[in-house]
Amino acid sequence: YAISVKGRFTISRDNAKNTVSLQMNSLNPE
C-alpha cells in the first residue's frame, strides 16, 4: 500500500474470478 492510504484502503482479489477490488474508507478530498 501507498503510505497515504494505509489503514484506510484494502485491496483484495479473487483468483477464481480474475477480479481485484479496492475498498476505500475514510475518504478525503486528497
PDB file of all heavy atoms in Angstrom:
ATOM      1  N   TYR A   1       0.824  -1.200   0.000  1.00  0.00           N
ATOM      2  CA  TYR A   1       0.000   0.000   0.000  1.00  0.00           C
ATOM      3  C   TYR A   1       0.858   1.250   0.000  1.00  0.00           C
ATOM      4  O   TYR A   1       1.939   1.281   0.592  1.00  0.00           O
ATOM      5  CB  TYR A   1      -0.908   0.052   1.227  1.00  0.00           C
ATOM      6  CG  TYR A   1      -1.944  -1.040   1.285  1.00  0.00           C
ATOM      7  CD1 TYR A   1      -1.707  -2.207   1.989  1.00  0.00           C
ATOM      8  CD2 TYR A   1      -3.167  -0.899   0.636  1.00  0.00           C
ATOM      9  CE1 TYR A   1      -2.659  -3.208   2.046  1.00  0.00           C
ATOM     10  CE2 TYR A   1      -4.116  -1.897   0.688  1.00  0.00           C
ATOM     11  CZ  TYR A   1      -3.869  -3.050   1.388  1.00  0.00           C
ATOM     12  OH  TYR A   1      -4.814  -4.050   1.451  1.00  0.00           O
ATOM     13  N   ALA A   2       0.355   2.291  -0.645  1.00  0.00           N
ATOM     14  CA  ALA A   2       0.964   3.597  -0.510  1.00  0.00           C
ATOM     15  C   ALA A   2       0.790   4.083   0.924  1.00  0.00           C
ATOM     16  O   ALA A   2      -0.219   3.783   1.571  1.00  0.00           O
ATOM     17  CB  ALA A   2       0.323   4.584  -1.478  1.00  0.00           C
ATOM     18  N   ILE A   3       1.773   4.823   1.410  1.00  0.00           N
ATOM     19  CA  ILE A   3       1.710   5.315   2.779  1.00  0.00           C
ATOM     20  C   ILE A   3       0.441   6.132   3.017  1.00  0.00           C
ATOM     21  O   ILE A   3      -0.176   6.048   4.086  1.00  0.00           O
ATOM     22  CB  ILE A   3       2.959   6.153   3.101  1.00  0.00           C
ATOM     23  CG1 ILE A   3       4.200   5.265   3.054  1.00  0.00           C
ATOM     24  CG2 ILE A   3       2.826   6.821   4.463  1.00  0.00           C
ATOM     25  CD1 ILE A   3       5.495   6.023   3.245  1.00  0.00           C
ATOM     26  N   SER A   4       0.033   6.897   2.033  1.00  0.00           N
ATOM     27  CA  SER A   4      -1.105   7.785   2.180  1.00  0.00           C
ATOM     28  C   SER A   4      -2.440   7.065   2.362  1.00  0.00           C
ATOM     29  O   SER A   4      -3.409   7.683   2.806  1.00  0.00           O
ATOM     30  CB  SER A   4      -1.202   8.725   0.973  1.00  0.00           C
ATOM     31  OG  SER A   4      -1.376   7.995  -0.223  1.00  0.00           O
ATOM     32  N   VAL A   5      -2.501   5.780   2.027  1.00  0.00           N
ATOM     33  CA  VAL A   5      -3.771   5.064   2.122  1.00  0.00           C
ATOM     34  C   VAL A   5      -3.741   3.921   3.117  1.00  0.00           C
ATOM     35  O   VAL A   5      -4.782   3.272   3.338  1.00  0.00           O
ATOM     36  CB  VAL A   5      -4.226   4.531   0.741  1.00  0.00           C
ATOM     37  CG1 VAL A   5      -4.234   5.648  -0.289  1.00  0.00           C
ATOM     38  CG2 VAL A   5      -3.343   3.374   0.282  1.00  0.00           C
ATOM     39  N   LYS A   6      -2.610   3.661   3.724  1.00  0.00           N
ATOM     40  CA  LYS A   6      -2.526   2.577   4.695  1.00  0.00           C
ATOM     41  C   LYS A   6      -3.516   2.792   5.834  1.00  0.00           C
ATOM     42  O   LYS A   6      -3.639   3.878   6.378  1.00  0.00           O
ATOM     43  CB  LYS A   6      -1.108   2.469   5.255  1.00  0.00           C
ATOM     44  CG  LYS A   6      -0.123   1.798   4.331  1.00  0.00           C
ATOM     45  CD  LYS A   6       1.230   1.613   5.008  1.00  0.00           C
ATOM     46  CE  LYS A   6       2.199   0.869   4.120  1.00  0.00           C
ATOM     47  NZ  LYS A   6       3.519   0.690   4.770  1.00  0.00           N
ATOM     48  N   GLY A   7      -4.209   1.732   6.168  1.00  0.00           N
ATOM     49  CA  GLY A   7      -5.196   1.796   7.228  1.00  0.00           C
ATOM     50  C   GLY A   7      -6.568   2.232   6.767  1.00  0.00           C
ATOM     51  O   GLY A   7      -7.543   2.099   7.518  1.00  0.00           O
ATOM     52  N   ARG A   8      -6.663   2.749   5.544  1.00  0.00           N
ATOM     53  CA  ARG A   8      -7.947   3.211   5.017  1.00  0.00           C
ATOM     54  C   ARG A   8      -8.424   2.372   3.827  1.00  0.00           C
ATOM     55  O   ARG A   8      -9.625   2.176   3.665  1.00  0.00           O
ATOM     56  CB  ARG A   8      -7.862   4.675   4.584  1.00  0.00           C
ATOM     57  CG  ARG A   8      -7.521   5.633   5.716  1.00  0.00           C
ATOM     58  CD  ARG A   8      -7.640   7.087   5.266  1.00  0.00           C
ATOM     59  NE  ARG A   8      -6.710   7.409   4.185  1.00  0.00           N
ATOM     60  CZ  ARG A   8      -7.075   7.857   2.988  1.00  0.00           C
ATOM     61  NH1 ARG A   8      -8.366   8.041   2.711  1.00  0.00           N
ATOM     62  NH2 ARG A   8      -6.160   8.142   2.067  1.00  0.00           N
ATOM     63  N   PHE A   9      -7.486   1.922   3.005  1.00  0.00           N
ATOM     64  CA  PHE A   9      -7.821   1.155   1.807  1.00  0.00           C
ATOM     65  C   PHE A   9      -7.430  -0.305   2.000  1.00  0.00           C
ATOM     66  O   PHE A   9      -6.440  -0.618   2.681  1.00  0.00           O
ATOM     67  CB  PHE A   9      -7.075   1.690   0.584  1.00  0.00           C
ATOM     68  CG  PHE A   9      -7.514   3.053   0.111  1.00  0.00           C
ATOM     69  CD1 PHE A   9      -8.379   3.840   0.854  1.00  0.00           C
ATOM     70  CD2 PHE A   9      -7.046   3.542  -1.097  1.00  0.00           C
ATOM     71  CE1 PHE A   9      -8.770   5.093   0.415  1.00  0.00           C
ATOM     72  CE2 PHE A   9      -7.430   4.792  -1.549  1.00  0.00           C
ATOM     73  CZ  PHE A   9      -8.288   5.570  -0.801  1.00  0.00           C
ATOM     74  N   THR A  10      -8.180  -1.185   1.367  1.00  0.00           N
ATOM     75  CA  THR A  10      -7.883  -2.606   1.391  1.00  0.00           C
ATOM     76  C   THR A  10      -8.027  -3.179  -0.007  1.00  0.00           C
ATOM     77  O   THR A  10      -9.076  -3.026  -0.637  1.00  0.00           O
ATOM     78  CB  THR A  10      -8.811  -3.367   2.351  1.00  0.00           C
ATOM     79  OG1 THR A  10      -8.703  -2.827   3.675  1.00  0.00           O
ATOM     80  CG2 THR A  10      -8.427  -4.846   2.387  1.00  0.00           C
ATOM     81  N   ILE A  11      -6.987  -3.827  -0.485  1.00  0.00           N
ATOM     82  CA  ILE A  11      -7.035  -4.477  -1.786  1.00  0.00           C
ATOM     83  C   ILE A  11      -7.244  -5.972  -1.588  1.00  0.00           C
ATOM     84  O   ILE A  11      -6.717  -6.567  -0.647  1.00  0.00           O
ATOM     85  CB  ILE A  11      -5.748  -4.200  -2.601  1.00  0.00           C
ATOM     86  CG1 ILE A  11      -5.897  -4.712  -4.036  1.00  0.00           C
ATOM     87  CG2 ILE A  11      -4.521  -4.800  -1.934  1.00  0.00           C
ATOM     88  CD1 ILE A  11      -4.754  -4.295  -4.959  1.00  0.00           C
ATOM     89  N   SER A  12      -8.020  -6.565  -2.464  1.00  0.00           N
ATOM     90  CA  SER A  12      -8.267  -7.996  -2.404  1.00  0.00           C
ATOM     91  C   SER A  12      -8.473  -8.525  -3.813  1.00  0.00           C
ATOM     92  O   SER A  12      -8.758  -7.763  -4.743  1.00  0.00           O
ATOM     93  CB  SER A  12      -9.484  -8.310  -1.527  1.00  0.00           C
ATOM     94  OG  SER A  12     -10.657  -7.705  -2.040  1.00  0.00           O
ATOM     95  N   ARG A  13      -8.327  -9.828  -3.976  1.00  0.00           N
ATOM     96  CA  ARG A  13      -8.538 -10.420  -5.289  1.00  0.00           C
ATOM     97  C   ARG A  13      -9.180 -11.785  -5.151  1.00  0.00           C
ATOM     98  O   ARG A  13      -9.042 -12.462  -4.128  1.00  0.00           O
ATOM     99  CB  ARG A  13      -7.228 -10.515  -6.077  1.00  0.00           C
ATOM    100  CG  ARG A  13      -6.195 -11.468  -5.498  1.00  0.00           C
ATOM    101  CD  ARG A  13      -4.866 -11.353  -6.248  1.00  0.00           C
ATOM    102  NE  ARG A  13      -4.885 -12.034  -7.530  1.00  0.00           N
ATOM    103  CZ  ARG A  13      -3.882 -11.977  -8.420  1.00  0.00           C
ATOM    104  NH1 ARG A  13      -2.809 -11.238  -8.167  1.00  0.00           N
ATOM    105  NH2 ARG A  13      -3.975 -12.654  -9.554  1.00  0.00           N
ATOM    106  N   ASP A  14      -9.864 -12.164  -6.193  1.00  0.00           N
ATOM    107  CA  ASP A  14     -10.479 -13.470  -6.291  1.00  0.00           C
ATOM    108  C   ASP A  14      -9.867 -14.140  -7.509  1.00  0.00           C
ATOM    109  O   ASP A  14     -10.213 -13.818  -8.645  1.00  0.00           O
ATOM    110  CB  ASP A  14     -11.996 -13.350  -6.424  1.00  0.00           C
ATOM    111  CG  ASP A  14     -12.694 -14.697  -6.380  1.00  0.00           C
ATOM    112  OD1 ASP A  14     -12.100 -15.709  -6.769  1.00  0.00           O
ATOM    113  OD2 ASP A  14     -13.866 -14.742  -5.951  1.00  0.00           O
ATOM    114  N   ASN A  15      -8.948 -15.049  -7.282  1.00  0.00           N
ATOM    115  CA  ASN A  15      -8.233 -15.673  -8.388  1.00  0.00           C
ATOM    116  C   ASN A  15      -9.151 -16.515  -9.281  1.00  0.00           C
ATOM    117  O   ASN A  15      -8.923 -16.630 -10.480  1.00  0.00           O
ATOM    118  CB  ASN A  15      -7.091 -16.538  -7.853  1.00  0.00           C
ATOM    119  CG  ASN A  15      -5.975 -15.721  -7.241  1.00  0.00           C
ATOM    120  OD1 ASN A  15      -5.759 -14.558  -7.608  1.00  0.00           O
ATOM    121  ND2 ASN A  15      -5.249 -16.310  -6.304  1.00  0.00           N
ATOM    122  N   ALA A  16     -10.172 -17.096  -8.695  1.00  0.00           N
ATOM    123  CA  ALA A  16     -11.094 -17.907  -9.474  1.00  0.00           C
ATOM    124  C   ALA A  16     -11.902 -17.065 -10.451  1.00  0.00           C
ATOM    125  O   ALA A  16     -12.279 -17.539 -11.525  1.00  0.00           O
ATOM    126  CB  ALA A  16     -12.028 -18.684  -8.549  1.00  0.00           C
ATOM    127  N   LYS A  17     -12.173 -15.814 -10.077  1.00  0.00           N
ATOM    128  CA  LYS A  17     -12.968 -14.926 -10.915  1.00  0.00           C
ATOM    129  C   LYS A  17     -12.124 -13.906 -11.674  1.00  0.00           C
ATOM    130  O   LYS A  17     -12.667 -13.122 -12.450  1.00  0.00           O
ATOM    131  CB  LYS A  17     -14.004 -14.193 -10.070  1.00  0.00           C
ATOM    132  CG  LYS A  17     -15.018 -15.109  -9.399  1.00  0.00           C
ATOM    133  CD  LYS A  17     -16.018 -14.319  -8.580  1.00  0.00           C
ATOM    134  CE  LYS A  17     -17.043 -15.227  -7.928  1.00  0.00           C
ATOM    135  NZ  LYS A  17     -18.024 -14.467  -7.104  1.00  0.00           N
ATOM    136  N   ASN A  18     -10.814 -13.901 -11.431  1.00  0.00           N
ATOM    137  CA  ASN A  18      -9.910 -12.935 -12.058  1.00  0.00           C
ATOM    138  C   ASN A  18     -10.347 -11.498 -11.801  1.00  0.00           C
ATOM    139  O   ASN A  18     -10.396 -10.664 -12.712  1.00  0.00           O
ATOM    140  CB  ASN A  18      -9.799 -13.193 -13.562  1.00  0.00           C
ATOM    141  CG  ASN A  18      -8.989 -14.425 -13.886  1.00  0.00           C
ATOM    142  OD1 ASN A  18      -8.155 -14.864 -13.100  1.00  0.00           O
ATOM    143  ND2 ASN A  18      -9.221 -14.998 -15.063  1.00  0.00           N
ATOM    144  N   THR A  19     -10.663 -11.220 -10.558  1.00  0.00           N
ATOM    145  CA  THR A  19     -11.078  -9.879 -10.179  1.00  0.00           C
ATOM    146  C   THR A  19     -10.198  -9.335  -9.061  1.00  0.00           C
ATOM    147  O   THR A  19      -9.624 -10.087  -8.280  1.00  0.00           O
ATOM    148  CB  THR A  19     -12.539  -9.843  -9.714  1.00  0.00           C
ATOM    149  OG1 THR A  19     -12.705 -10.695  -8.578  1.00  0.00           O
ATOM    150  CG2 THR A  19     -13.473 -10.300 -10.822  1.00  0.00           C
ATOM    151  N   VAL A  20     -10.123  -8.022  -8.990  1.00  0.00           N
ATOM    152  CA  VAL A  20      -9.445  -7.334  -7.913  1.00  0.00           C
ATOM    153  C   VAL A  20     -10.335  -6.186  -7.469  1.00  0.00           C
ATOM    154  O   VAL A  20     -10.997  -5.547  -8.293  1.00  0.00           O
ATOM    155  CB  VAL A  20      -8.045  -6.829  -8.337  1.00  0.00           C
ATOM    156  CG1 VAL A  20      -8.153  -5.819  -9.483  1.00  0.00           C
ATOM    157  CG2 VAL A  20      -7.301  -6.222  -7.158  1.00  0.00           C
ATOM    158  N   SER A  21     -10.367  -5.936  -6.172  1.00  0.00           N
ATOM    159  CA  SER A  21     -11.204  -4.883  -5.623  1.00  0.00           C
ATOM    160  C   SER A  21     -10.371  -3.976  -4.736  1.00  0.00           C
ATOM    161  O   SER A  21      -9.337  -4.372  -4.209  1.00  0.00           O
ATOM    162  CB  SER A  21     -12.363  -5.470  -4.815  1.00  0.00           C
ATOM    163  OG  SER A  21     -13.219  -6.250  -5.632  1.00  0.00           O
ATOM    164  N   LEU A  22     -10.857  -2.761  -4.578  1.00  0.00           N
ATOM    165  CA  LEU A  22     -10.228  -1.796  -3.684  1.00  0.00           C
ATOM    166  C   LEU A  22     -11.315  -1.175  -2.827  1.00  0.00           C
ATOM    167  O   LEU A  22     -12.130  -0.399  -3.327  1.00  0.00           O
ATOM    168  CB  LEU A  22      -9.483  -0.713  -4.469  1.00  0.00           C
ATOM    169  CG  LEU A  22      -8.692   0.285  -3.629  1.00  0.00           C
ATOM    170  CD1 LEU A  22      -7.500  -0.407  -2.967  1.00  0.00           C
ATOM    171  CD2 LEU A  22      -8.209   1.452  -4.487  1.00  0.00           C
ATOM    172  N   GLN A  23     -11.337  -1.535  -1.558  1.00  0.00           N
ATOM    173  CA  GLN A  23     -12.269  -0.949  -0.610  1.00  0.00           C
ATOM    174  C   GLN A  23     -11.634   0.308  -0.051  1.00  0.00           C
ATOM    175  O   GLN A  23     -10.568   0.246   0.557  1.00  0.00           O
ATOM    176  CB  GLN A  23     -12.598  -1.931   0.511  1.00  0.00           C
ATOM    177  CG  GLN A  23     -13.541  -1.385   1.571  1.00  0.00           C
ATOM    178  CD  GLN A  23     -14.921  -1.087   1.033  1.00  0.00           C
ATOM    179  OE1 GLN A  23     -15.494  -1.898   0.318  1.00  0.00           O
ATOM    180  NE2 GLN A  23     -15.443   0.081   1.366  1.00  0.00           N
ATOM    181  N   MET A  24     -12.287   1.439  -0.234  1.00  0.00           N
ATOM    182  CA  MET A  24     -11.753   2.726   0.182  1.00  0.00           C
ATOM    183  C   MET A  24     -12.653   3.314   1.263  1.00  0.00           C
ATOM    184  O   MET A  24     -13.820   3.619   1.007  1.00  0.00           O
ATOM    185  CB  MET A  24     -11.646   3.680  -1.008  1.00  0.00           C
ATOM    186  CG  MET A  24     -10.824   3.124  -2.165  1.00  0.00           C
ATOM    187  SD  MET A  24     -10.597   4.322  -3.508  1.00  0.00           S
ATOM    188  CE  MET A  24     -12.290   4.465  -4.084  1.00  0.00           C
ATOM    189  N   ASN A  25     -12.103   3.484   2.445  1.00  0.00           N
ATOM    190  CA  ASN A  25     -12.833   4.049   3.571  1.00  0.00           C
ATOM    191  C   ASN A  25     -12.195   5.361   4.014  1.00  0.00           C
ATOM    192  O   ASN A  25     -11.054   5.664   3.677  1.00  0.00           O
ATOM    193  CB  ASN A  25     -12.852   3.063   4.744  1.00  0.00           C
ATOM    194  CG  ASN A  25     -13.519   1.750   4.412  1.00  0.00           C
ATOM    195  OD1 ASN A  25     -14.481   1.698   3.652  1.00  0.00           O
ATOM    196  ND2 ASN A  25     -13.013   0.668   5.003  1.00  0.00           N
ATOM    197  N   SER A  26     -12.942   6.122   4.797  1.00  0.00           N
ATOM    198  CA  SER A  26     -12.460   7.396   5.331  1.00  0.00           C
ATOM    199  C   SER A  26     -11.866   8.278   4.246  1.00  0.00           C
ATOM    200  O   SER A  26     -10.781   8.848   4.394  1.00  0.00           O
ATOM    201  CB  SER A  26     -11.425   7.145   6.440  1.00  0.00           C
ATOM    202  OG  SER A  26     -11.977   6.373   7.485  1.00  0.00           O
ATOM    203  N   LEU A  27     -12.586   8.400   3.169  1.00  0.00           N
ATOM    204  CA  LEU A  27     -12.094   9.156   2.021  1.00  0.00           C
ATOM    205  C   LEU A  27     -12.020  10.646   2.328  1.00  0.00           C
ATOM    206  O   LEU A  27     -12.851  11.196   3.055  1.00  0.00           O
ATOM    207  CB  LEU A  27     -12.993   8.921   0.815  1.00  0.00           C
ATOM    208  CG  LEU A  27     -12.882   7.525   0.194  1.00  0.00           C
ATOM    209  CD1 LEU A  27     -14.071   7.240  -0.711  1.00  0.00           C
ATOM    210  CD2 LEU A  27     -11.576   7.397  -0.589  1.00  0.00           C
ATOM    211  N   ASN A  28     -11.018  11.287   1.767  1.00  0.00           N
ATOM    212  CA  ASN A  28     -10.846  12.725   1.908  1.00  0.00           C
ATOM    213  C   ASN A  28     -10.598  13.333   0.536  1.00  0.00           C
ATOM    214  O   ASN A  28     -10.329  12.616  -0.430  1.00  0.00           O
ATOM    215  CB  ASN A  28      -9.708  13.050   2.888  1.00  0.00           C
ATOM    216  CG  ASN A  28      -8.374  12.477   2.460  1.00  0.00           C
ATOM    217  OD1 ASN A  28      -7.822  12.896   1.444  1.00  0.00           O
ATOM    218  ND2 ASN A  28      -7.848  11.539   3.229  1.00  0.00           N
ATOM    219  N   PRO A  29     -10.687  14.652   0.408  1.00  0.00           N
ATOM    220  CA  PRO A  29     -10.533  15.285  -0.903  1.00  0.00           C
ATOM    221  C   PRO A  29      -9.220  14.966  -1.606  1.00  0.00           C
ATOM    222  O   PRO A  29      -9.172  14.982  -2.840  1.00  0.00           O
ATOM    223  CB  PRO A  29     -10.649  16.776  -0.583  1.00  0.00           C
ATOM    224  CG  PRO A  29     -11.543  16.826   0.609  1.00  0.00           C
ATOM    225  CD  PRO A  29     -11.136  15.632   1.428  1.00  0.00           C
ATOM    226  N   GLU A  30      -8.167  14.662  -0.858  1.00  0.00           N
ATOM    227  CA  GLU A  30      -6.888  14.324  -1.475  1.00  0.00           C
ATOM    228  C   GLU A  30      -6.917  12.984  -2.186  1.00  0.00           C
ATOM    229  O   GLU A  30      -5.992  12.670  -2.938  1.00  0.00           O
ATOM    230  CB  GLU A  30      -5.770  14.343  -0.423  1.00  0.00           C
ATOM    231  CG  GLU A  30      -5.482  15.736   0.128  1.00  0.00           C
ATOM    232  CD  GLU A  30      -4.314  15.756   1.090  1.00  0.00           C
ATOM    233  OE1 GLU A  30      -3.858  14.670   1.503  1.00  0.00           O
ATOM    234  OE2 GLU A  30      -3.857  16.864   1.432  1.00  0.00           O
TER     235      GLU A  30
END
